[in-house]
Each structure stands twice: as C-alpha cells, then as structure tokens.
Amino acid sequence: MGSQLSPGFYLKAQNKYGGCYIARRQNHILASARNLKDLLKIIKKRKIRREGEVSIGYVPSARSFHVYLIR
C-alpha cells in the first residue's frame, strides 16, 4: 500500500474497518466499503482523487492472524 505505515496503523484499523477496502491518505481513512467496486463508487461520488498520496487497500479481519516483517 503506497507509503509505509507502522503495523500499528493496521491493527487499529482492523477494529473499525476489518474485512473492508479502504481509501487512505497517510493515516487518515477517506472512505471504506465491503468490496472494491463499492469503494470505487464512493470515491467517484465524493470526488476523491486517487492520484498521488491516496492509497487503496484491504484491511484484513481482526479474526485473522498476521505476521509483519519490520525492516
């Protein structure tokens, strides 16, 4: 996902956005939806520009197990 964030961002995001696709600018969530198609519709409706610093990605469910490698 675009710029690098700490694993802590995703761990916190899982509480509210787990199982959803999100559009974010750094650590600010701009929009979320259960599927990518709906997220893209929201982005278009809100006229959020995807160029530059906005990243789109999936936030895994809090019920899943994750391993983060920090380099």
C-alpha atoms as a PDB file:
ATOM      1  CA  MET A   1       0.000   0.000   0.000  1.00  0.00           C
ATOM      2  CA  GLY A   2       1.649   3.238  -1.117  1.00  0.00           C
ATOM      3  CA  SER A   3       3.651   4.899   1.631  1.00  0.00           C
ATOM      4  CA  GLN A   4       4.852   2.786   4.521  1.00  0.00           C
ATOM      5  CA  LEU A   5       2.918   2.842   7.772  1.00  0.00           C
ATOM      6  CA  SER A   6       3.594   1.087  11.029  1.00  0.00           C
ATOM      7  CA  PRO A   7       1.846  -2.255  11.616  1.00  0.00           C
ATOM      8  CA  GLY A   8       0.082  -0.486  14.499  1.00  0.00           C
ATOM      9  CA  PHE A   9      -1.986   1.538  11.992  1.00  0.00           C
ATOM     10  CA  TYR A  10      -3.463  -1.631  10.512  1.00  0.00           C
ATOM     11  CA  LEU A  11      -4.002  -3.242  13.903  1.00  0.00           C
ATOM     12  CA  LYS A  12      -6.037  -0.200  14.992  1.00  0.00           C
ATOM     13  CA  ALA A  13      -7.838  -0.023  11.635  1.00  0.00           C
ATOM     14  CA  GLN A  14      -8.918  -3.657  11.994  1.00  0.00           C
ATOM     15  CA  ASN A  15     -11.212  -2.746  14.896  1.00  0.00           C
ATOM     16  CA  LYS A  16     -13.352  -0.490  12.719  1.00  0.00           C
ATOM     17  CA  TYR A  17     -12.533  -1.455   9.111  1.00  0.00           C
ATOM     18  CA  GLY A  18     -11.654  -5.167   9.336  1.00  0.00           C
ATOM     19  CA  GLY A  19     -12.903  -7.009   6.265  1.00  0.00           C
ATOM     20  CA  CYS A  20     -13.275  -3.780   4.259  1.00  0.00           C
ATOM     21  CA  TYR A  21     -11.469  -1.980   1.481  1.00  0.00           C
ATOM     22  CA  ILE A  22     -10.270   1.498   2.404  1.00  0.00           C
ATOM     23  CA  ALA A  23      -9.035   4.615   0.653  1.00  0.00           C
ATOM     24  CA  ARG A  24      -6.498   6.424   2.788  1.00  0.00           C
ATOM     25  CA  ARG A  25      -4.151   9.365   2.719  1.00  0.00           C
ATOM     26  CA  GLN A  26      -1.290   8.523   5.080  1.00  0.00           C
ATOM     27  CA  ASN A  27      -3.032   7.569   8.348  1.00  0.00           C
ATOM     28  CA  HIS A  28      -6.391   9.206   7.531  1.00  0.00           C
ATOM     29  CA  ILE A  29      -9.214   6.986   6.227  1.00  0.00           C
ATOM     30  CA  LEU A  30     -11.104   8.792   3.440  1.00  0.00           C
ATOM     31  CA  ALA A  31     -13.662   6.086   2.608  1.00  0.00           C
ATOM     32  CA  SER A  32     -14.436   2.421   3.210  1.00  0.00           C
ATOM     33  CA  ALA A  33     -16.658  -0.294   1.738  1.00  0.00           C
ATOM     34  CA  ARG A  34     -17.131  -4.069   1.970  1.00  0.00           C
ATOM     35  CA  ASN A  35     -15.993  -4.564  -1.633  1.00  0.00           C
ATOM     36  CA  LEU A  36     -13.717  -2.788  -4.066  1.00  0.00           C
ATOM     37  CA  LYS A  37     -16.455  -1.969  -6.558  1.00  0.00           C
ATOM     38  CA  ASP A  38     -18.474  -0.103  -3.916  1.00  0.00           C
ATOM     39  CA  LEU A  39     -15.372   1.719  -2.662  1.00  0.00           C
ATOM     40  CA  LEU A  40     -14.615   2.965  -6.166  1.00  0.00           C
ATOM     41  CA  LYS A  41     -18.207   4.236  -6.460  1.00  0.00           C
ATOM     42  CA  ILE A  42     -17.841   6.136  -3.168  1.00  0.00           C
ATOM     43  CA  ILE A  43     -14.521   7.621  -4.288  1.00  0.00           C
ATOM     44  CA  LYS A  44     -16.097   8.793  -7.539  1.00  0.00           C
ATOM     45  CA  LYS A  45     -19.176  10.213  -5.780  1.00  0.00           C
ATOM     46  CA  ARG A  46     -17.068  12.098  -3.203  1.00  0.00           C
ATOM     47  CA  LYS A  47     -14.654  13.203  -5.944  1.00  0.00           C
ATOM     48  CA  ILE A  48     -11.660  11.847  -4.033  1.00  0.00           C
ATOM     49  CA  ARG A  49      -8.631  11.952  -6.283  1.00  0.00           C
ATOM     50  CA  ARG A  50      -6.741   8.671  -6.363  1.00  0.00           C
ATOM     51  CA  GLU A  51      -3.597  10.162  -7.854  1.00  0.00           C
ATOM     52  CA  GLY A  52      -0.647  10.995  -5.646  1.00  0.00           C
ATOM     53  CA  GLU A  53      -0.849  10.222  -1.971  1.00  0.00           C
ATOM     54  CA  VAL A  54      -4.168   8.307  -1.815  1.00  0.00           C
ATOM     55  CA  SER A  55      -3.828   4.544  -1.423  1.00  0.00           C
ATOM     56  CA  ILE A  56      -6.483   1.865  -1.774  1.00  0.00           C
ATOM     57  CA  GLY A  57      -6.152  -1.416   0.067  1.00  0.00           C
ATOM     58  CA  TYR A  58      -7.816  -4.193   2.006  1.00  0.00           C
ATOM     59  CA  VAL A  59      -7.857  -4.320   5.820  1.00  0.00           C
ATOM     60  CA  PRO A  60      -7.923  -7.959   6.990  1.00  0.00           C
ATOM     61  CA  SER A  61     -10.440  -9.041   9.589  1.00  0.00           C
ATOM     62  CA  ALA A  62      -9.382  -8.837  13.234  1.00  0.00           C
ATOM     63  CA  ARG A  63     -10.149 -12.569  13.449  1.00  0.00           C
ATOM     64  CA  SER A  64      -7.303 -13.407  11.083  1.00  0.00           C
ATOM     65  CA  PHE A  65      -3.668 -13.938  12.059  1.00  0.00           C
ATOM     66  CA  HIS A  66      -0.969 -11.658  10.604  1.00  0.00           C
ATOM     67  CA  VAL A  67       2.790 -11.567  10.611  1.00  0.00           C
ATOM     68  CA  TYR A  68       4.509  -8.239   9.932  1.00  0.00           C
ATOM     69  CA  LEU A  69       8.155  -8.060   8.981  1.00  0.00           C
ATOM     70  CA  ILE A  70       9.801  -4.824  10.009  1.00  0.00           C
ATOM     71  CA  ARG A  71      12.963  -3.968   8.127  1.00  0.00           C
END
